[in-house]
Amino acid sequence: MTQPVPADGPAAPIAYLVDDNEPFRRSTSLLLETAFIDVRGFDSGAALLAQLEREPAPRAGACVVSDIRMPQMSGLVLMEELQRREQSLRVIFVTAHADVPLAVEAMRRGAVDFIEKPFEARLLIQAIRLASVEEPAQQPRDAGSVTEPDSRLSVLTRRERQVIELVVAGKFNKSIADILGISTKTVELHRASLMSKLGVRNLPDLVKVYLGYR
């Protein structure tokens, strides 16, 4: 159901919600509708693409909220197809798996956000509202390079910088300990310290800071 918007008010943001989990789609749609977001639900990337072929170009500011791990067509493949078709839709990924390399790849390819399930309602609502007013990225980020890191990284020690670089590279604590020649416990302490200094609570947010998104 689409939430009504006052005739003289701004148009509600549009979110194309793509997830193969029907209960999640239903509950998330209801959640977003309470925030006056116009939600269109799809059970697969193919279903969304088929709908986009049948309708006029999406209104400026529309975005896609997609699970990144789905059968047949993953969220990354969906985003690539939207880019290939030159659809000016910003993509927000949600996932139940804190997969750091996947988050890095998604954001370097052009995703505007990466949110881990379960998430706070305000985080998704805020991401959609930001996507509805910002200009869409025309090109994905260069997968072989990192943008200028967030200035907050300057507060990290040399060892914490080494740890965060290895975390973003997808290394687990034991591998990081072996590479740096320190104990796993010491790696855990460095990770806790750097996350506290950067003001992040989870791995996707850590990736955003490292890539300069926050």
Protein backbone atom coordinates (compact mmCIF):
# COMPACT_ATOMS: atom_id res chain seq x y z
CA MET A 1 0.00 0.00 0.00
CA THR A 2 1.31 3.47 -0.88
CA GLN A 3 1.17 6.13 1.79
CA PRO A 4 -0.77 9.26 0.81
CA VAL A 5 1.17 12.49 0.46
CA PRO A 6 -0.40 15.95 0.75
CA ALA A 7 -1.15 17.40 -2.69
CA ASP A 8 0.98 20.50 -1.99
CA GLY A 9 3.81 18.60 -0.26
CA PRO A 10 6.92 16.93 -1.59
CA ALA A 11 6.59 13.56 -3.28
CA ALA A 12 7.36 10.61 -1.04
CA PRO A 13 10.68 8.83 -1.65
CA ILE A 14 10.29 5.63 -3.68
CA ALA A 15 12.04 2.44 -2.58
CA TYR A 16 12.08 -0.70 -4.70
CA LEU A 17 12.44 -3.42 -2.05
CA VAL A 18 14.02 -6.63 -3.40
CA ASP A 19 14.24 -9.66 -1.10
CA ASP A 20 13.32 -13.32 -1.54
CA ASN A 21 12.14 -13.49 2.09
CA GLU A 22 8.42 -12.66 1.96
CA PRO A 23 7.95 -12.00 5.73
CA PHE A 24 10.91 -9.60 5.63
CA ARG A 25 9.47 -7.78 2.61
CA ARG A 26 6.08 -7.47 4.28
CA SER A 27 7.38 -6.23 7.63
CA THR A 28 9.90 -3.85 6.04
CA SER A 29 7.27 -2.45 3.68
CA LEU A 30 4.98 -1.69 6.62
CA LEU A 31 7.87 -0.10 8.49
CA LEU A 32 8.82 2.18 5.60
CA GLU A 33 5.23 3.13 4.85
CA THR A 34 4.89 4.54 8.38
CA ALA A 35 7.76 6.87 7.43
CA PHE A 36 5.84 7.99 4.28
CA ILE A 37 8.09 6.09 1.90
CA ASP A 38 6.45 4.68 -1.23
CA VAL A 39 7.49 1.00 -1.27
CA ARG A 40 7.28 -1.41 -4.22
CA GLY A 41 8.16 -4.99 -3.24
CA PHE A 42 9.79 -7.67 -5.44
CA ASP A 43 10.82 -11.23 -4.64
CA SER A 44 13.80 -11.21 -7.01
CA GLY A 45 16.06 -8.96 -9.04
CA ALA A 46 14.55 -10.39 -12.22
CA ALA A 47 11.07 -9.32 -11.10
CA LEU A 48 12.28 -5.75 -10.52
CA LEU A 49 14.01 -5.60 -13.91
CA ALA A 50 10.87 -6.89 -15.62
CA GLN A 51 8.78 -4.20 -13.93
CA LEU A 52 11.23 -1.46 -14.91
CA GLU A 53 10.91 -2.55 -18.53
CA ARG A 54 7.14 -2.10 -18.36
CA GLU A 55 6.99 1.28 -16.68
CA PRO A 56 8.28 4.77 -17.52
CA ALA A 57 11.68 5.82 -16.22
CA PRO A 58 11.73 5.82 -12.39
CA ARG A 59 11.12 9.16 -10.76
CA ALA A 60 14.28 11.06 -9.80
CA GLY A 61 15.35 10.04 -6.32
CA ALA A 62 13.98 6.50 -6.43
CA CYS A 63 16.29 3.89 -4.96
CA VAL A 64 16.65 0.12 -4.63
CA VAL A 65 16.87 -1.64 -1.26
CA SER A 66 18.09 -5.15 -1.96
CA ASP A 67 19.31 -8.20 -0.13
CA ILE A 68 22.80 -8.96 -1.40
CA ARG A 69 22.53 -12.76 -1.17
CA MET A 70 19.63 -14.16 -3.20
CA PRO A 71 19.18 -17.24 -5.41
CA GLN A 72 19.39 -16.92 -9.21
CA MET A 73 20.41 -13.24 -9.16
CA SER A 74 22.47 -11.76 -6.33
CA GLY A 75 22.18 -8.15 -5.29
CA LEU A 76 25.55 -7.37 -6.87
CA VAL A 77 24.45 -8.82 -10.21
CA LEU A 78 21.23 -6.81 -9.98
CA MET A 79 23.19 -3.60 -9.38
CA GLU A 80 25.48 -4.36 -12.32
CA GLU A 81 22.46 -4.94 -14.56
CA LEU A 82 20.88 -1.66 -13.46
CA GLN A 83 24.14 0.13 -14.25
CA ARG A 84 24.35 -1.61 -17.64
CA ARG A 85 20.82 -0.43 -18.44
CA GLU A 86 21.77 3.08 -17.27
CA GLN A 87 19.03 3.11 -14.65
CA SER A 88 19.74 6.04 -12.33
CA LEU A 89 18.75 4.12 -9.22
CA ARG A 90 20.92 4.30 -6.12
CA VAL A 91 21.33 0.93 -4.41
CA ILE A 92 21.25 0.19 -0.68
CA PHE A 93 22.21 -3.35 0.31
CA VAL A 94 20.95 -5.20 3.38
CA THR A 95 22.38 -8.52 4.50
CA ALA A 96 22.17 -10.98 7.35
CA HIS A 97 25.87 -11.77 6.95
CA ALA A 98 28.65 -9.41 8.07
CA ASP A 99 30.80 -10.27 5.05
CA VAL A 100 33.50 -7.58 4.94
CA PRO A 101 34.96 -8.36 1.49
CA LEU A 102 31.43 -8.38 0.06
CA ALA A 103 30.66 -5.02 1.67
CA VAL A 104 33.87 -3.55 0.26
CA GLU A 105 33.14 -4.89 -3.22
CA ALA A 106 29.54 -3.64 -3.15
CA MET A 107 30.46 -0.12 -2.14
CA ARG A 108 33.37 0.13 -4.54
CA ARG A 109 31.02 -0.90 -7.35
CA GLY A 110 28.64 1.93 -6.51
CA ALA A 111 26.33 0.94 -3.64
CA VAL A 112 25.47 3.91 -1.46
CA ASP A 113 25.02 1.95 1.76
CA PHE A 114 25.41 -1.52 3.24
CA ILE A 115 23.25 -2.33 6.28
CA GLU A 116 23.44 -5.48 8.37
CA LYS A 117 20.26 -7.31 9.43
CA PRO A 118 18.73 -6.96 11.94
CA PHE A 119 18.95 -3.18 11.68
CA GLU A 120 17.45 -0.21 13.46
CA ALA A 121 14.52 1.20 11.50
CA ARG A 122 15.98 4.70 11.54
CA LEU A 123 19.14 3.54 9.74
CA LEU A 124 17.25 2.25 6.70
CA ILE A 125 14.82 5.18 6.66
CA GLN A 126 17.71 7.65 6.83
CA ALA A 127 19.60 5.83 4.06
CA ILE A 128 16.54 5.93 1.77
CA ARG A 129 15.89 9.60 2.44
CA LEU A 130 19.52 10.46 1.72
CA ALA A 131 19.43 8.42 -1.49
CA SER A 132 16.29 10.26 -2.58
CA VAL A 133 17.95 13.69 -2.50
CA GLU A 134 21.55 12.95 -3.54
CA GLU A 135 22.71 12.76 -7.13
CA PRO A 136 23.14 9.17 -8.34
CA ALA A 137 26.68 7.94 -8.85
CA GLN A 138 27.32 7.70 -12.58
CA GLN A 139 30.20 5.23 -12.36
CA PRO A 140 31.12 2.53 -9.86
CA ARG A 141 34.21 3.07 -7.79
CA ASP A 142 37.48 1.65 -9.05
CA ALA A 143 37.65 -1.81 -7.50
CA GLY A 144 41.43 -1.60 -7.42
CA SER A 145 41.73 1.55 -5.36
CA VAL A 146 40.47 3.11 -2.15
CA THR A 147 39.20 6.69 -1.97
CA GLU A 148 40.80 9.10 0.47
CA PRO A 149 40.19 7.57 3.91
CA ASP A 150 38.05 9.28 6.51
CA SER A 151 40.03 11.85 8.52
CA ARG A 152 39.12 9.95 11.69
CA LEU A 153 41.63 7.29 10.70
CA SER A 154 44.37 9.74 11.69
CA VAL A 155 43.62 9.03 15.37
CA LEU A 156 44.61 5.38 14.98
CA THR A 157 48.00 4.06 15.98
CA ARG A 158 50.27 2.48 13.39
CA ARG A 159 49.32 -0.99 14.61
CA GLU A 160 45.59 -0.15 14.54
CA ARG A 161 45.99 1.04 10.94
CA GLN A 162 47.61 -2.27 10.07
CA VAL A 163 44.77 -4.16 11.72
CA ILE A 164 41.98 -2.19 10.02
CA GLU A 165 43.61 -2.64 6.60
CA LEU A 166 43.70 -6.41 7.12
CA VAL A 167 40.12 -6.49 8.47
CA VAL A 168 38.84 -4.64 5.39
CA ALA A 169 40.83 -7.08 3.25
CA GLY A 170 38.66 -9.82 4.75
CA LYS A 171 41.22 -11.38 7.08
CA PHE A 172 40.07 -13.11 10.26
CA ASN A 173 41.65 -12.39 13.64
CA LYS A 174 43.87 -15.48 13.58
CA SER A 175 45.21 -14.64 10.12
CA ILE A 176 45.83 -11.05 11.17
CA ALA A 177 47.71 -12.28 14.23
CA ASP A 178 49.89 -14.53 12.07
CA ILE A 179 50.62 -11.77 9.55
CA LEU A 180 51.52 -9.20 12.20
CA GLY A 181 53.29 -11.65 14.53
CA ILE A 182 51.07 -10.88 17.51
CA SER A 183 48.54 -12.88 19.53
CA THR A 184 44.89 -13.24 18.56
CA LYS A 185 43.93 -11.61 21.86
CA THR A 186 46.05 -8.57 20.97
CA VAL A 187 44.31 -8.34 17.60
CA GLU A 188 40.93 -8.40 19.38
CA LEU A 189 42.07 -5.58 21.67
CA HIS A 190 43.26 -3.49 18.71
CA ARG A 191 39.96 -4.07 16.90
CA ALA A 192 37.94 -3.02 19.94
CA SER A 193 40.10 0.08 20.38
CA LEU A 194 39.95 1.24 16.77
CA MET A 195 36.19 0.69 16.53
CA SER A 196 35.73 2.75 19.68
CA LYS A 197 37.94 5.55 18.32
CA LEU A 198 36.06 5.58 15.02
CA GLY A 199 32.65 5.46 16.68
CA VAL A 200 31.45 2.39 14.80
CA ARG A 201 29.60 -0.65 16.14
CA ASN A 202 29.78 -3.19 13.34
CA LEU A 203 31.88 -4.27 10.38
CA PRO A 204 29.81 -2.63 7.59
CA ASP A 205 30.14 0.74 9.34
CA LEU A 206 33.87 0.15 9.76
CA VAL A 207 34.13 -0.44 6.01
CA LYS A 208 32.24 2.80 5.31
CA VAL A 209 34.67 4.81 7.42
CA TYR A 210 37.68 3.16 5.81
CA LEU A 211 36.37 3.84 2.30
CA GLY A 212 35.51 7.44 3.14
CA TYR A 213 31.71 7.06 3.14
CA ARG A 214 31.25 8.50 6.63
